[in-house]
Amino acid sequence: MANVGPTGIVRYEEKLAVDNISTAAADGIGWLTSADAADTAFARAVAAGKGLHLAGALSNVDDHMIELCGDSLMFAGQEGHCAVELLIAFDVITDLAFNFGFNDAVLETSNTLPCELAAKTWVTNASTFAGLVFDVDATDDELHVMWVDDDNDSAEAIANLRMKGIAPTAGKWLFMRVSLQDRGSGKGLRATFLVVDHNGRSVEKTFNMTVDRDCPLCWYLGVENRAATAHNVYIKGIAWEQSISDL
């Protein structure tokens, strides 16, 4: 790791001071967003009680989805340390699902969430993903952690992946963070998943994953409707970290 800064890690916090989010890649664009017809893609907004933030909306159409991603596959675990984080809130939490973490595609090419949880069975659409999952179709309406490596799902028991007692609350901020650490050549990455609710209650889980250390990944958020219910989605505290490696 290069000797730059106190820890050799670059940390970027998106202040939303300039408009650098778009539905298409271009000079000056750092974040890409997408939305289905009748939905509203993420955009800068200001509102009482929220300050400057990003806002997006799902219409009352089942299976519609909105996404926010970094504009490129800029992370690889072999750099040593990578992390993504954000604050998120919803006006209505019924009938929705979301994923947050690292994904192998900028805007999920399957046009659905990278990972879905029906009862206690995973349905994975991404080839590689490591992150947090909330899905009202799950047996337990709580956050879970999940990873997929080269189309191979985690073999960890669902009970171990469940973040017991942690779920979003309507109109309240939820903090999420996923960090990856390299374990060396021939080994999968080590991941730490952290969620903190508006009451300060937190759950943290750490696993040695099978996800390859050289797989390119991006900062990813996807929110999908599970029924004919409209949802407003609010985001603050967008951030990422990455080791400064020796050349």
Protein backbone atom coordinates (compact mmCIF):
# COMPACT_ATOMS: atom_id res chain seq x y z
CA MET A 1 0.00 0.00 0.00
CA ALA A 2 1.37 3.40 -0.93
CA ASN A 3 2.30 5.76 1.89
CA VAL A 4 -0.25 8.47 1.06
CA GLY A 5 -2.31 9.94 3.88
CA PRO A 6 -2.51 8.49 7.39
CA THR A 7 -3.81 5.09 6.23
CA GLY A 8 -3.03 4.93 2.52
CA ILE A 9 -6.74 5.07 1.71
CA VAL A 10 -8.60 7.60 -0.44
CA ARG A 11 -12.07 8.44 0.89
CA TYR A 12 -14.58 10.24 -1.32
CA GLU A 13 -17.78 11.76 0.07
CA GLU A 14 -20.35 12.99 -2.45
CA LYS A 15 -21.51 16.40 -1.21
CA LEU A 16 -23.97 16.90 -4.11
CA ALA A 17 -22.63 20.44 -4.47
CA VAL A 18 -22.61 20.03 -8.24
CA ASP A 19 -24.92 18.09 -10.52
CA ASN A 20 -22.83 15.11 -11.62
CA ILE A 21 -25.58 12.50 -11.99
CA SER A 22 -27.18 11.48 -15.28
CA THR A 23 -28.85 8.65 -17.16
CA ALA A 24 -25.95 8.54 -19.63
CA ALA A 25 -22.17 8.59 -19.28
CA ALA A 26 -20.49 11.90 -20.17
CA ASP A 27 -17.65 14.18 -19.11
CA GLY A 28 -18.30 15.48 -15.60
CA ILE A 29 -20.72 12.66 -14.74
CA GLY A 30 -19.70 10.54 -11.75
CA TRP A 31 -22.98 8.73 -11.05
CA LEU A 32 -25.42 6.97 -13.38
CA THR A 33 -29.11 6.46 -12.69
CA SER A 34 -31.94 4.62 -14.42
CA ALA A 35 -35.70 4.30 -14.04
CA ASP A 36 -38.51 2.40 -15.72
CA ALA A 37 -41.28 4.27 -17.54
CA ALA A 38 -43.47 6.35 -15.17
CA ASP A 39 -40.77 6.19 -12.46
CA THR A 40 -38.44 9.05 -11.53
CA ALA A 41 -34.69 8.53 -11.71
CA PHE A 42 -32.50 9.87 -8.92
CA ALA A 43 -31.71 13.60 -9.07
CA ARG A 44 -30.49 16.37 -6.76
CA ALA A 45 -33.21 17.80 -4.57
CA VAL A 46 -33.69 20.05 -1.54
CA ALA A 47 -36.44 19.61 1.03
CA ALA A 48 -37.17 20.72 4.57
CA GLY A 49 -35.74 18.24 7.04
CA LYS A 50 -33.57 16.58 4.41
CA GLY A 51 -31.35 19.35 3.09
CA LEU A 52 -29.49 18.66 -0.14
CA HIS A 53 -30.00 15.04 -1.17
CA LEU A 54 -30.88 12.72 -4.04
CA ALA A 55 -34.52 11.83 -4.62
CA GLY A 56 -36.08 9.15 -6.80
CA ALA A 57 -39.55 7.65 -7.05
CA LEU A 58 -41.24 4.39 -7.96
CA SER A 59 -44.71 4.58 -9.45
CA ASN A 60 -47.42 2.13 -8.43
CA VAL A 61 -46.30 -0.54 -10.92
CA ASP A 62 -45.12 -3.95 -9.73
CA ASP A 63 -41.49 -4.91 -10.53
CA HIS A 64 -40.45 -1.41 -11.62
CA MET A 65 -36.95 -0.42 -10.50
CA ILE A 66 -34.75 2.65 -10.06
CA GLU A 67 -30.95 2.46 -9.73
CA LEU A 68 -27.94 4.56 -8.80
CA CYS A 69 -24.38 3.44 -9.62
CA GLY A 70 -20.89 4.72 -9.84
CA ASP A 71 -20.12 5.47 -13.48
CA SER A 72 -17.41 2.81 -13.82
CA LEU A 73 -16.14 -0.51 -12.47
CA MET A 74 -13.53 1.17 -10.29
CA PHE A 75 -13.10 -1.30 -7.41
CA ALA A 76 -11.18 -4.57 -7.17
CA GLY A 77 -10.56 -6.30 -3.88
CA GLN A 78 -6.92 -6.92 -4.66
CA GLU A 79 -6.28 -3.20 -4.13
CA GLY A 80 -6.37 -4.05 -0.42
CA HIS A 81 -9.44 -2.23 0.90
CA CYS A 82 -12.66 -1.00 -0.71
CA ALA A 83 -15.84 0.29 0.92
CA VAL A 84 -19.16 1.84 -0.12
CA GLU A 85 -21.76 3.50 2.09
CA LEU A 86 -24.88 5.66 2.14
CA LEU A 87 -27.90 6.89 4.10
CA ILE A 88 -31.29 5.95 2.65
CA ALA A 89 -34.91 6.66 3.60
CA PHE A 90 -38.34 5.80 2.18
CA ASP A 91 -41.69 7.47 2.67
CA VAL A 92 -43.36 4.03 2.45
CA ILE A 93 -41.58 0.76 3.22
CA THR A 94 -44.31 -1.71 2.30
CA ASP A 95 -43.96 -3.76 -0.86
CA LEU A 96 -40.39 -2.98 -1.83
CA ALA A 97 -36.97 -4.57 -2.16
CA PHE A 98 -33.49 -3.08 -2.45
CA ASN A 99 -29.84 -4.06 -2.88
CA PHE A 100 -26.81 -2.04 -1.85
CA GLY A 101 -23.14 -2.85 -2.19
CA PHE A 102 -20.71 -3.89 -4.93
CA ASN A 103 -21.98 -5.10 -8.31
CA ASP A 104 -20.23 -6.31 -11.45
CA ALA A 105 -22.35 -4.19 -13.81
CA VAL A 106 -22.92 -0.44 -14.00
CA LEU A 107 -26.74 -0.43 -13.97
CA GLU A 108 -27.73 -4.09 -13.60
CA THR A 109 -27.98 -5.59 -17.08
CA SER A 110 -30.62 -8.13 -16.00
CA ASN A 111 -33.05 -5.19 -15.49
CA THR A 112 -33.89 -6.49 -12.05
CA LEU A 113 -32.12 -6.52 -8.69
CA PRO A 114 -28.81 -8.40 -8.51
CA CYS A 115 -30.16 -10.48 -5.61
CA GLU A 116 -33.74 -11.23 -4.60
CA LEU A 117 -35.00 -13.26 -1.64
CA ALA A 118 -38.28 -15.18 -1.94
CA ALA A 119 -39.24 -16.84 1.36
CA LYS A 120 -35.83 -18.31 2.23
CA THR A 121 -34.65 -18.93 -1.33
CA TRP A 122 -32.23 -16.69 -3.19
CA VAL A 123 -32.80 -15.66 -6.80
CA THR A 124 -29.56 -14.14 -8.09
CA ASN A 125 -29.41 -12.20 -11.35
CA ALA A 126 -25.90 -10.74 -11.14
CA SER A 127 -22.83 -12.81 -11.96
CA THR A 128 -20.90 -11.20 -9.09
CA PHE A 129 -22.38 -9.18 -6.21
CA ALA A 130 -21.54 -8.52 -2.57
CA GLY A 131 -23.94 -6.47 -0.52
CA LEU A 132 -27.04 -5.96 1.56
CA VAL A 133 -30.50 -7.14 0.56
CA PHE A 134 -33.97 -6.21 1.81
CA ASP A 135 -36.97 -7.94 0.25
CA VAL A 136 -40.54 -8.02 1.53
CA ASP A 137 -40.93 -11.35 -0.28
CA ALA A 138 -38.54 -12.89 2.24
CA THR A 139 -39.78 -14.86 5.23
CA ASP A 140 -38.20 -12.29 7.53
CA ASP A 141 -38.69 -8.59 6.70
CA GLU A 142 -35.16 -7.72 7.77
CA LEU A 143 -31.92 -7.00 5.97
CA HIS A 144 -29.74 -9.88 4.84
CA VAL A 145 -26.24 -10.05 3.43
CA MET A 146 -25.45 -11.96 0.24
CA TRP A 147 -22.70 -12.56 -2.28
CA VAL A 148 -22.46 -14.22 -5.67
CA ASP A 149 -19.21 -15.20 -7.37
CA ASP A 150 -19.13 -16.09 -11.07
CA ASP A 151 -22.82 -17.10 -10.94
CA ASN A 152 -22.23 -19.21 -7.82
CA ASP A 153 -24.38 -18.22 -4.85
CA SER A 154 -23.09 -18.11 -1.30
CA ALA A 155 -23.52 -21.47 0.44
CA GLU A 156 -23.90 -19.78 3.85
CA ALA A 157 -27.05 -20.73 5.77
CA ILE A 158 -29.84 -18.14 5.48
CA ALA A 159 -29.99 -17.80 9.26
CA ASN A 160 -26.36 -16.63 9.28
CA LEU A 161 -27.02 -14.08 6.53
CA ARG A 162 -30.01 -12.52 8.32
CA MET A 163 -29.39 -9.22 10.15
CA LYS A 164 -31.88 -9.93 12.91
CA GLY A 165 -33.83 -6.93 14.16
CA ILE A 166 -32.67 -4.51 11.43
CA ALA A 167 -35.11 -3.19 8.82
CA PRO A 168 -35.96 0.20 7.29
CA THR A 169 -38.50 2.44 9.02
CA ALA A 170 -40.71 4.79 7.01
CA GLY A 171 -39.46 8.37 7.08
CA LYS A 172 -36.21 7.51 8.93
CA TRP A 173 -32.61 7.32 7.74
CA LEU A 174 -30.88 3.94 7.51
CA PHE A 175 -27.07 3.76 7.28
CA MET A 176 -25.46 0.97 5.25
CA ARG A 177 -21.81 0.16 4.62
CA VAL A 178 -20.10 -2.72 2.83
CA SER A 179 -16.32 -3.09 2.93
CA LEU A 180 -14.00 -5.57 1.22
CA GLN A 181 -10.51 -6.64 2.26
CA ASP A 182 -8.01 -8.65 0.26
CA ARG A 183 -6.88 -11.99 1.72
CA GLY A 184 -4.13 -12.63 -0.78
CA SER A 185 -3.57 -14.57 -3.97
CA GLY A 186 -5.83 -17.58 -4.49
CA LYS A 187 -8.28 -16.56 -1.78
CA GLY A 188 -11.69 -14.90 -1.92
CA LEU A 189 -12.32 -11.52 -0.37
CA ARG A 190 -13.27 -10.82 3.22
CA ALA A 191 -16.41 -8.65 3.57
CA THR A 192 -17.85 -6.67 6.46
CA PHE A 193 -21.50 -5.61 6.30
CA LEU A 194 -22.76 -2.91 8.66
CA VAL A 195 -26.27 -1.46 9.09
CA VAL A 196 -27.31 1.17 11.64
CA ASP A 197 -30.94 2.24 12.08
CA HIS A 198 -32.36 5.61 13.19
CA ASN A 199 -32.29 4.50 16.84
CA GLY A 200 -28.56 3.84 16.71
CA ARG A 201 -29.06 0.07 16.79
CA SER A 202 -26.52 -1.72 14.61
CA VAL A 203 -25.74 -5.16 13.26
CA GLU A 204 -22.39 -6.09 11.71
CA LYS A 205 -21.49 -9.35 9.97
CA THR A 206 -18.16 -10.45 8.53
CA PHE A 207 -17.54 -13.35 6.16
CA ASN A 208 -14.76 -14.80 4.08
CA MET A 209 -16.38 -14.85 0.65
CA THR A 210 -15.67 -16.65 -2.59
CA VAL A 211 -15.75 -13.39 -4.59
CA ASP A 212 -12.59 -13.10 -6.69
CA ARG A 213 -10.05 -10.47 -5.70
CA ASP A 214 -9.57 -9.31 -9.30
CA CYS A 215 -13.26 -8.90 -10.24
CA PRO A 216 -14.07 -5.28 -11.29
CA LEU A 217 -16.98 -3.86 -9.27
CA CYS A 218 -18.95 -0.63 -8.89
CA TRP A 219 -20.88 1.25 -6.17
CA TYR A 220 -24.47 0.01 -6.58
CA LEU A 221 -27.99 0.74 -5.30
CA GLY A 222 -31.20 -0.69 -6.75
CA VAL A 223 -34.76 -0.30 -5.42
CA GLU A 224 -37.60 -2.39 -6.86
CA ASN A 225 -41.36 -2.32 -6.36
CA ARG A 226 -43.01 -5.50 -5.12
CA ALA A 227 -46.64 -4.45 -5.71
CA ALA A 228 -48.80 -1.56 -6.90
CA THR A 229 -47.45 0.83 -4.26
CA ALA A 230 -45.73 4.14 -4.98
CA HIS A 231 -42.48 4.88 -3.10
CA ASN A 232 -40.30 7.95 -2.70
CA VAL A 233 -36.62 7.23 -2.07
CA TYR A 234 -34.16 9.68 -0.48
CA ILE A 235 -30.37 9.37 -0.33
CA LYS A 236 -27.62 11.22 1.54
CA GLY A 237 -24.15 10.34 2.77
CA ILE A 238 -22.93 8.73 -0.45
CA ALA A 239 -19.29 7.70 0.00
CA TRP A 240 -16.60 5.26 -1.04
CA GLU A 241 -13.08 4.26 0.01
CA GLN A 242 -10.22 2.65 -1.87
CA SER A 243 -6.65 1.74 -0.99
CA ILE A 244 -3.81 3.52 -2.72
CA SER A 245 -1.76 0.60 -4.00
CA ASP A 246 1.92 0.61 -4.85
CA LEU A 247 2.59 0.85 -8.58
